[in-house]
Amino acid sequence: MRRVLASLWRAALLMCLTTPGLSIEQPAMASEQQMRFVVVRSNQSACEPTCPEWISAEGVIGAKTPALLKATLKTLGGRNLPLVLASPGGDTAAAMAVGRLIRKNKLSVAVGTTIFIGCQRDQENCTANDGKGADFIGAAISQGACTEACALVLASGVRRLAGGETTVANIPTVTGNGTGSKKLAAYYDEMGVRYQKLAEGQRDVDGNPGPWQLFKALLVTNTLAVDQLVDAQICKGTPAPDNCRVFTTMDLE
């Protein structure tokens, strides 16, 4: 029954996003937009006062991205939130630095897209979510792409999810014995990725490994949807995961 309810909720959300005249807006991510990290609280029906939260990470990975993630993690006071990731790639060295921060803090990573409701992630001085317990609220869905250097960030998660309508493609490859390739090979080994299985496996028509190949290589540890990390049902367990936060009157102060 829980799975049925979750499926109905996702279907209703997607219907809202595609129905003309409704107020939910989700601007397309510009390819040149630098990655930004924001903490999002689920608006899933009936989850309050205890709802799941996650870190939305979308955009191009640049030199400042590791510092931005570090600053975001500092605001959490040690809370362990999963990271929902969509990116066209970017700087390889920065991606590895981000990955090491994620592994150090024992975060899970899922490829997906965050649908913001009310205040959008780049909107300044927004008051639409006042009184709702969080600056940003919305939903995470298993749609979107993680390509090129983004795959290095995905590889760092304690749990690494890519299911639904997500894509993991153009994964950085180790070629030759140059310094860059040695660092890349060492990084894959550090993250527990079986690169040889990734390199030798079958490819699709675009030259990318399929979901099963990603799983065998441990670049992905689970092909289920992002719901596994952010669905309201996870907060019903005892103890509830660390990313379930109780909304109290103190949040209004």
C-alpha atoms as a PDB file:
ATOM      1  CA  MET A   1       0.000   0.000   0.000  1.00  0.00           C
ATOM      2  CA  ARG A   2       2.844   2.403   0.835  1.00  0.00           C
ATOM      3  CA  ARG A   3       4.380   1.841  -2.592  1.00  0.00           C
ATOM      4  CA  VAL A   4       1.012   2.428  -4.263  1.00  0.00           C
ATOM      5  CA  LEU A   5       0.496   5.694  -2.363  1.00  0.00           C
ATOM      6  CA  ALA A   6       4.013   6.862  -3.206  1.00  0.00           C
ATOM      7  CA  SER A   7       3.460   6.054  -6.895  1.00  0.00           C
ATOM      8  CA  LEU A   8       0.151   7.948  -6.926  1.00  0.00           C
ATOM      9  CA  TRP A   9       1.826  10.957  -5.295  1.00  0.00           C
ATOM     10  CA  ARG A  10       4.607  11.010  -7.894  1.00  0.00           C
ATOM     11  CA  ALA A  11       2.090  10.681 -10.721  1.00  0.00           C
ATOM     12  CA  ALA A  12       0.054  13.566  -9.327  1.00  0.00           C
ATOM     13  CA  LEU A  13       3.167  15.717  -9.010  1.00  0.00           C
ATOM     14  CA  LEU A  14       4.244  15.059 -12.588  1.00  0.00           C
ATOM     15  CA  MET A  15       0.712  15.813 -13.788  1.00  0.00           C
ATOM     16  CA  CYS A  16       0.863  19.150 -12.008  1.00  0.00           C
ATOM     17  CA  LEU A  17       4.186  19.953 -13.619  1.00  0.00           C
ATOM     18  CA  THR A  18       2.848  19.338 -17.113  1.00  0.00           C
ATOM     19  CA  THR A  19      -0.679  20.764 -16.780  1.00  0.00           C
ATOM     20  CA  PRO A  20      -1.103  24.298 -18.257  1.00  0.00           C
ATOM     21  CA  GLY A  21      -2.244  27.019 -15.914  1.00  0.00           C
ATOM     22  CA  LEU A  22      -0.883  25.614 -12.666  1.00  0.00           C
ATOM     23  CA  SER A  23       1.497  27.708 -10.573  1.00  0.00           C
ATOM     24  CA  ILE A  24       4.410  25.266 -10.132  1.00  0.00           C
ATOM     25  CA  GLU A  25       7.442  26.432 -12.048  1.00  0.00           C
ATOM     26  CA  GLN A  26      10.722  24.622 -12.632  1.00  0.00           C
ATOM     27  CA  PRO A  27      13.172  26.639 -14.718  1.00  0.00           C
ATOM     28  CA  ALA A  28      15.500  24.651 -16.962  1.00  0.00           C
ATOM     29  CA  MET A  29      19.087  24.382 -15.751  1.00  0.00           C
ATOM     30  CA  ALA A  30      21.351  26.406 -18.003  1.00  0.00           C
ATOM     31  CA  SER A  31      24.404  24.449 -19.095  1.00  0.00           C
ATOM     32  CA  GLU A  32      26.694  27.248 -17.896  1.00  0.00           C
ATOM     33  CA  GLN A  33      25.059  27.596 -14.483  1.00  0.00           C
ATOM     34  CA  GLN A  34      27.496  26.824 -11.681  1.00  0.00           C
ATOM     35  CA  MET A  35      26.522  24.128  -9.196  1.00  0.00           C
ATOM     36  CA  ARG A  36      24.629  25.317  -6.183  1.00  0.00           C
ATOM     37  CA  PHE A  37      23.727  23.411  -3.043  1.00  0.00           C
ATOM     38  CA  VAL A  38      20.475  24.096  -1.180  1.00  0.00           C
ATOM     39  CA  VAL A  39      18.708  22.160   1.561  1.00  0.00           C
ATOM     40  CA  VAL A  40      15.172  21.168   0.566  1.00  0.00           C
ATOM     41  CA  ARG A  41      12.286  19.890   2.704  1.00  0.00           C
ATOM     42  CA  SER A  42       9.699  17.535   1.244  1.00  0.00           C
ATOM     43  CA  ASN A  43       6.213  18.919   0.662  1.00  0.00           C
ATOM     44  CA  GLN A  44       4.778  15.425   0.346  1.00  0.00           C
ATOM     45  CA  SER A  45       1.198  15.249   1.562  1.00  0.00           C
ATOM     46  CA  ALA A  46       0.679  14.463   5.253  1.00  0.00           C
ATOM     47  CA  CYS A  47       4.374  14.130   6.127  1.00  0.00           C
ATOM     48  CA  GLU A  48       4.415  17.010   8.607  1.00  0.00           C
ATOM     49  CA  PRO A  49       5.539  17.508  11.295  1.00  0.00           C
ATOM     50  CA  THR A  50       8.349  15.068  10.408  1.00  0.00           C
ATOM     51  CA  CYS A  51       9.459  15.296   6.783  1.00  0.00           C
ATOM     52  CA  PRO A  52      12.572  14.163   4.915  1.00  0.00           C
ATOM     53  CA  GLU A  53      15.124  16.699   3.739  1.00  0.00           C
ATOM     54  CA  TRP A  54      17.969  16.516   1.251  1.00  0.00           C
ATOM     55  CA  ILE A  55      20.672  18.582  -0.417  1.00  0.00           C
ATOM     56  CA  SER A  56      19.842  19.589  -3.972  1.00  0.00           C
ATOM     57  CA  ALA A  57      22.979  19.785  -6.140  1.00  0.00           C
ATOM     58  CA  GLU A  58      22.481  20.987  -9.698  1.00  0.00           C
ATOM     59  CA  GLY A  59      24.733  22.753 -12.185  1.00  0.00           C
ATOM     60  CA  VAL A  60      28.248  22.698 -13.557  1.00  0.00           C
ATOM     61  CA  ILE A  61      31.064  21.622 -11.232  1.00  0.00           C
ATOM     62  CA  GLY A  62      33.643  24.400 -10.944  1.00  0.00           C
ATOM     63  CA  ALA A  63      36.637  25.399  -8.858  1.00  0.00           C
ATOM     64  CA  LYS A  64      34.430  26.923  -6.134  1.00  0.00           C
ATOM     65  CA  THR A  65      32.078  23.947  -5.872  1.00  0.00           C
ATOM     66  CA  PRO A  66      33.963  22.080  -3.083  1.00  0.00           C
ATOM     67  CA  ALA A  67      33.942  25.195  -0.889  1.00  0.00           C
ATOM     68  CA  LEU A  68      30.227  25.714  -1.511  1.00  0.00           C
ATOM     69  CA  LEU A  69      29.447  22.154  -0.447  1.00  0.00           C
ATOM     70  CA  LYS A  70      31.637  22.499   2.629  1.00  0.00           C
ATOM     71  CA  ALA A  71      29.759  25.658   3.634  1.00  0.00           C
ATOM     72  CA  THR A  72      26.408  23.918   3.157  1.00  0.00           C
ATOM     73  CA  LEU A  73      27.466  20.933   5.268  1.00  0.00           C
ATOM     74  CA  LYS A  74      28.589  23.308   8.014  1.00  0.00           C
ATOM     75  CA  THR A  75      25.056  24.703   8.308  1.00  0.00           C
ATOM     76  CA  LEU A  76      23.679  21.211   8.991  1.00  0.00           C
ATOM     77  CA  GLY A  77      25.441  20.784  12.309  1.00  0.00           C
ATOM     78  CA  GLY A  78      26.486  17.223  11.558  1.00  0.00           C
ATOM     79  CA  ARG A  79      23.140  16.043  10.180  1.00  0.00           C
ATOM     80  CA  ASN A  80      23.513  13.452   7.427  1.00  0.00           C
ATOM     81  CA  LEU A  81      21.387  14.436   4.424  1.00  0.00           C
ATOM     82  CA  PRO A  82      21.406  12.635   1.073  1.00  0.00           C
ATOM     83  CA  LEU A  83      22.498  14.588  -1.974  1.00  0.00           C
ATOM     84  CA  VAL A  84      20.214  14.649  -5.042  1.00  0.00           C
ATOM     85  CA  LEU A  85      22.432  15.299  -8.042  1.00  0.00           C
ATOM     86  CA  ALA A  86      22.058  16.464 -11.636  1.00  0.00           C
ATOM     87  CA  SER A  87      25.000  17.898 -13.579  1.00  0.00           C
ATOM     88  CA  PRO A  88      26.524  18.025 -17.057  1.00  0.00           C
ATOM     89  CA  GLY A  89      29.972  17.655 -15.477  1.00  0.00           C
ATOM     90  CA  GLY A  90      32.717  20.225 -15.223  1.00  0.00           C
ATOM     91  CA  ASP A  91      36.126  20.366 -13.568  1.00  0.00           C
ATOM     92  CA  THR A  92      37.479  16.876 -12.829  1.00  0.00           C
ATOM     93  CA  ALA A  93      39.739  17.897  -9.924  1.00  0.00           C
ATOM     94  CA  ALA A  94      36.876  19.821  -8.300  1.00  0.00           C
ATOM     95  CA  ALA A  95      34.554  16.831  -8.764  1.00  0.00           C
ATOM     96  CA  MET A  96      37.017  14.583  -6.952  1.00  0.00           C
ATOM     97  CA  ALA A  97      37.331  17.141  -4.130  1.00  0.00           C
ATOM     98  CA  VAL A  98      33.532  17.223  -3.830  1.00  0.00           C
ATOM     99  CA  GLY A  99      33.493  13.433  -3.828  1.00  0.00           C
ATOM    100  CA  ARG A 100      35.979  13.230  -0.986  1.00  0.00           C
ATOM    101  CA  LEU A 101      33.889  15.660   1.066  1.00  0.00           C
ATOM    102  CA  ILE A 102      30.827  13.493   0.476  1.00  0.00           C
ATOM    103  CA  ARG A 103      32.646  10.310   1.454  1.00  0.00           C
ATOM    104  CA  LYS A 104      34.159  11.958   4.543  1.00  0.00           C
ATOM    105  CA  ASN A 105      30.685  13.004   5.688  1.00  0.00           C
ATOM    106  CA  LYS A 106      29.168   9.605   4.781  1.00  0.00           C
ATOM    107  CA  LEU A 107      26.454  11.004   2.517  1.00  0.00           C
ATOM    108  CA  SER A 108      24.343   9.016   0.089  1.00  0.00           C
ATOM    109  CA  VAL A 109      23.996  10.312  -3.491  1.00  0.00           C
ATOM    110  CA  ALA A 110      21.141   9.843  -5.945  1.00  0.00           C
ATOM    111  CA  VAL A 111      20.862  11.061  -9.509  1.00  0.00           C
ATOM    112  CA  GLY A 112      17.676  13.083  -9.720  1.00  0.00           C
ATOM    113  CA  THR A 113      16.046  16.468 -10.096  1.00  0.00           C
ATOM    114  CA  THR A 114      14.556  18.639  -7.391  1.00  0.00           C
ATOM    115  CA  ILE A 115      11.243  20.307  -8.190  1.00  0.00           C
ATOM    116  CA  PHE A 116      11.023  23.476  -6.136  1.00  0.00           C
ATOM    117  CA  ILE A 117       7.603  24.645  -5.014  1.00  0.00           C
ATOM    118  CA  GLY A 118       7.192  28.223  -3.891  1.00  0.00           C
ATOM    119  CA  CYS A 119      10.670  29.752  -3.641  1.00  0.00           C
ATOM    120  CA  GLN A 120      12.961  28.719  -6.489  1.00  0.00           C
ATOM    121  CA  ARG A 121      16.607  27.972  -5.749  1.00  0.00           C
ATOM    122  CA  ASP A 122      17.949  31.132  -7.449  1.00  0.00           C
ATOM    123  CA  GLN A 123      15.180  33.439  -6.262  1.00  0.00           C
ATOM    124  CA  GLU A 124      16.276  36.210  -3.910  1.00  0.00           C
ATOM    125  CA  ASN A 125      14.227  37.714  -1.074  1.00  0.00           C
ATOM    126  CA  CYS A 126      11.480  35.130  -1.531  1.00  0.00           C
ATOM    127  CA  THR A 127       8.790  34.953   1.164  1.00  0.00           C
ATOM    128  CA  ALA A 128       6.564  32.275  -0.391  1.00  0.00           C
ATOM    129  CA  ASN A 129       7.774  29.603   2.052  1.00  0.00           C
ATOM    130  CA  ASP A 130       7.612  31.689   5.210  1.00  0.00           C
ATOM    131  CA  GLY A 131       6.080  29.701   8.043  1.00  0.00           C
ATOM    132  CA  LYS A 132       6.667  26.353   6.363  1.00  0.00           C
ATOM    133  CA  GLY A 133       9.751  25.321   8.307  1.00  0.00           C
ATOM    134  CA  ALA A 134      12.284  25.617   5.484  1.00  0.00           C
ATOM    135  CA  ASP A 135      13.568  28.141   2.969  1.00  0.00           C
ATOM    136  CA  PHE A 136      13.096  25.623   0.154  1.00  0.00           C
ATOM    137  CA  ILE A 137      10.437  22.944  -0.186  1.00  0.00           C
ATOM    138  CA  GLY A 138       9.610  20.583  -3.006  1.00  0.00           C
ATOM    139  CA  ALA A 139      10.047  17.061  -4.323  1.00  0.00           C
ATOM    140  CA  ALA A 140      12.874  14.966  -5.719  1.00  0.00           C
ATOM    141  CA  ILE A 141      12.184  12.789  -8.756  1.00  0.00           C
ATOM    142  CA  SER A 142      14.281  10.207 -10.610  1.00  0.00           C
ATOM    143  CA  GLN A 143      14.769  12.232 -13.758  1.00  0.00           C
ATOM    144  CA  GLY A 144      17.873  13.991 -15.035  1.00  0.00           C
ATOM    145  CA  ALA A 145      21.415  13.313 -16.124  1.00  0.00           C
ATOM    146  CA  CYS A 146      24.777  12.935 -14.435  1.00  0.00           C
ATOM    147  CA  THR A 147      27.454  13.069 -17.098  1.00  0.00           C
ATOM    148  CA  GLU A 148      31.226  13.402 -17.378  1.00  0.00           C
ATOM    149  CA  ALA A 149      32.797  14.632 -14.085  1.00  0.00           C
ATOM    150  CA  CYS A 150      29.433  14.321 -12.340  1.00  0.00           C
ATOM    151  CA  ALA A 151      29.958  10.547 -12.318  1.00  0.00           C
ATOM    152  CA  LEU A 152      32.922  11.075  -9.978  1.00  0.00           C
ATOM    153  CA  VAL A 153      30.622  12.769  -7.482  1.00  0.00           C
ATOM    154  CA  LEU A 154      28.096   9.952  -7.783  1.00  0.00           C
ATOM    155  CA  ALA A 155      30.870   7.422  -7.151  1.00  0.00           C
ATOM    156  CA  SER A 156      31.578   8.929  -3.734  1.00  0.00           C
ATOM    157  CA  GLY A 157      28.237   8.244  -2.094  1.00  0.00           C
ATOM    158  CA  VAL A 158      27.924   5.695   0.685  1.00  0.00           C
ATOM    159  CA  ARG A 159      24.835   4.643  -1.282  1.00  0.00           C
ATOM    160  CA  ARG A 160      24.756   5.516  -4.989  1.00  0.00           C
ATOM    161  CA  LEU A 161      21.354   5.499  -6.674  1.00  0.00           C
ATOM    162  CA  ALA A 162      20.442   5.972 -10.329  1.00  0.00           C
ATOM    163  CA  GLY A 163      16.988   4.716 -11.224  1.00  0.00           C
ATOM    164  CA  GLY A 164      13.853   5.733 -13.039  1.00  0.00           C
ATOM    165  CA  GLU A 165      14.473   8.050 -15.989  1.00  0.00           C
ATOM    166  CA  THR A 166      18.008   9.051 -15.028  1.00  0.00           C
ATOM    167  CA  THR A 167      21.126   8.888 -17.168  1.00  0.00           C
ATOM    168  CA  VAL A 168      24.747   8.309 -16.183  1.00  0.00           C
ATOM    169  CA  ALA A 169      26.920   8.820 -19.253  1.00  0.00           C
ATOM    170  CA  ASN A 170      30.303   9.911 -20.632  1.00  0.00           C
ATOM    171  CA  ILE A 171      32.034   8.594 -17.530  1.00  0.00           C
ATOM    172  CA  PRO A 172      35.680   9.764 -17.226  1.00  0.00           C
ATOM    173  CA  THR A 173      38.043   7.072 -18.439  1.00  0.00           C
ATOM    174  CA  VAL A 174      41.569   6.103 -17.467  1.00  0.00           C
ATOM    175  CA  THR A 175      43.805   6.317 -20.525  1.00  0.00           C
ATOM    176  CA  GLY A 176      47.559   5.777 -20.511  1.00  0.00           C
ATOM    177  CA  ASN A 177      49.917   6.416 -17.620  1.00  0.00           C
ATOM    178  CA  GLY A 178      49.783  10.184 -17.438  1.00  0.00           C
ATOM    179  CA  THR A 179      49.424  12.028 -14.152  1.00  0.00           C
ATOM    180  CA  GLY A 180      45.746  12.748 -14.760  1.00  0.00           C
ATOM    181  CA  SER A 181      44.938   9.115 -15.494  1.00  0.00           C
ATOM    182  CA  LYS A 182      46.853   7.916 -12.431  1.00  0.00           C
ATOM    183  CA  LYS A 183      44.910  10.311 -10.212  1.00  0.00           C
ATOM    184  CA  LEU A 184      41.648   9.195 -11.768  1.00  0.00           C
ATOM    185  CA  ALA A 185      42.480   5.507 -11.324  1.00  0.00           C
ATOM    186  CA  ALA A 186      43.454   6.140  -7.698  1.00  0.00           C
ATOM    187  CA  TYR A 187      40.186   7.984  -7.098  1.00  0.00           C
ATOM    188  CA  TYR A 188      38.065   5.139  -8.473  1.00  0.00           C
ATOM    189  CA  ASP A 189      39.974   2.729  -6.261  1.00  0.00           C
ATOM    190  CA  GLU A 190      39.521   5.000  -3.235  1.00  0.00           C
ATOM    191  CA  MET A 191      35.752   5.082  -3.827  1.00  0.00           C
ATOM    192  CA  GLY A 192      35.511   1.335  -4.288  1.00  0.00           C
ATOM    193  CA  VAL A 193      34.564   1.481  -7.970  1.00  0.00           C
ATOM    194  CA  ARG A 194      35.615  -1.572  -9.985  1.00  0.00           C
ATOM    195  CA  TYR A 195      36.913   0.447 -12.897  1.00  0.00           C
ATOM    196  CA  GLN A 196      38.133  -2.551 -14.875  1.00  0.00           C
ATOM    197  CA  LYS A 197      34.616  -3.966 -14.989  1.00  0.00           C
ATOM    198  CA  LEU A 198      33.364  -0.577 -16.070  1.00  0.00           C
ATOM    199  CA  ALA A 199      35.965  -0.308 -18.821  1.00  0.00           C
ATOM    200  CA  GLU A 200      35.579  -3.829 -20.191  1.00  0.00           C
ATOM    201  CA  GLY A 201      31.803  -4.136 -20.103  1.00  0.00           C
ATOM    202  CA  GLN A 202      29.284  -3.834 -22.907  1.00  0.00           C
ATOM    203  CA  ARG A 203      28.227  -0.455 -24.240  1.00  0.00           C
ATOM    204  CA  ASP A 204      24.991   0.915 -25.633  1.00  0.00           C
ATOM    205  CA  VAL A 205      24.690   2.574 -29.047  1.00  0.00           C
ATOM    206  CA  ASP A 206      26.108   5.803 -27.583  1.00  0.00           C
ATOM    207  CA  GLY A 207      29.117   4.037 -26.091  1.00  0.00           C
ATOM    208  CA  ASN A 208      27.912   4.194 -22.475  1.00  0.00           C
ATOM    209  CA  PRO A 209      27.602   1.308 -19.993  1.00  0.00           C
ATOM    210  CA  GLY A 210      24.071   0.268 -19.132  1.00  0.00           C
ATOM    211  CA  PRO A 211      22.488   0.200 -15.645  1.00  0.00           C
ATOM    212  CA  TRP A 212      23.524  -3.399 -14.968  1.00  0.00           C
ATOM    213  CA  GLN A 213      27.113  -2.640 -15.938  1.00  0.00           C
ATOM    214  CA  LEU A 214      27.170   0.409 -13.661  1.00  0.00           C
ATOM    215  CA  PHE A 215      25.886  -1.801 -10.853  1.00  0.00           C
ATOM    216  CA  LYS A 216      28.485  -4.520 -11.408  1.00  0.00           C
ATOM    217  CA  ALA A 217      31.234  -1.910 -11.401  1.00  0.00           C
ATOM    218  CA  LEU A 218      29.768  -0.411  -8.184  1.00  0.00           C
ATOM    219  CA  LEU A 219      29.565   3.058  -9.674  1.00  0.00           C
ATOM    220  CA  VAL A 220      25.887   2.607  -8.805  1.00  0.00           C
ATOM    221  CA  THR A 221      24.902   0.490  -5.802  1.00  0.00           C
ATOM    222  CA  ASN A 222      21.143   0.668  -6.351  1.00  0.00           C
ATOM    223  CA  THR A 223      18.995   1.158  -9.449  1.00  0.00           C
ATOM    224  CA  LEU A 224      15.885   2.105  -7.468  1.00  0.00           C
ATOM    225  CA  ALA A 225      14.364   5.574  -7.486  1.00  0.00           C
ATOM    226  CA  VAL A 226      15.442   8.504  -5.328  1.00  0.00           C
ATOM    227  CA  ASP A 227      12.357   7.769  -3.188  1.00  0.00           C
ATOM    228  CA  GLN A 228      14.524   5.335  -1.240  1.00  0.00           C
ATOM    229  CA  LEU A 229      16.221   8.355   0.322  1.00  0.00           C
ATOM    230  CA  VAL A 230      13.549  11.076   0.388  1.00  0.00           C
ATOM    231  CA  ASP A 231      10.074   9.523   0.455  1.00  0.00           C
ATOM    232  CA  ALA A 232       8.031  10.467   3.534  1.00  0.00           C
ATOM    233  CA  GLN A 233       7.585   6.791   4.434  1.00  0.00           C
ATOM    234  CA  ILE A 234      11.225   6.565   5.518  1.00  0.00           C
ATOM    235  CA  CYS A 235      10.400   8.862   8.438  1.00  0.00           C
ATOM    236  CA  LYS A 236       7.872   6.365   9.822  1.00  0.00           C
ATOM    237  CA  GLY A 237      10.580   3.964  10.948  1.00  0.00           C
ATOM    238  CA  THR A 238      12.212   3.775  14.375  1.00  0.00           C
ATOM    239  CA  PRO A 239      14.684   5.283  14.553  1.00  0.00           C
ATOM    240  CA  ALA A 240      13.961   7.610  11.645  1.00  0.00           C
ATOM    241  CA  PRO A 241      16.835   8.399   9.268  1.00  0.00           C
ATOM    242  CA  ASP A 242      18.968  11.434  10.049  1.00  0.00           C
ATOM    243  CA  ASN A 243      17.437  13.403   7.175  1.00  0.00           C
ATOM    244  CA  CYS A 244      13.982  13.354   8.813  1.00  0.00           C
ATOM    245  CA  ARG A 245      13.493  16.625  10.705  1.00  0.00           C
ATOM    246  CA  VAL A 246      10.643  17.532  13.028  1.00  0.00           C
ATOM    247  CA  PHE A 247       9.076  20.929  12.312  1.00  0.00           C
ATOM    248  CA  THR A 248       8.554  22.846  15.567  1.00  0.00           C
ATOM    249  CA  THR A 249       7.557  26.385  16.487  1.00  0.00           C
ATOM    250  CA  MET A 250      11.253  27.175  16.922  1.00  0.00           C
ATOM    251  CA  ASP A 251      11.588  27.031  13.127  1.00  0.00           C
ATOM    252  CA  LEU A 252       9.335  30.087  12.900  1.00  0.00           C
ATOM    253  CA  GLU A 253      11.593  32.250  15.056  1.00  0.00           C
END
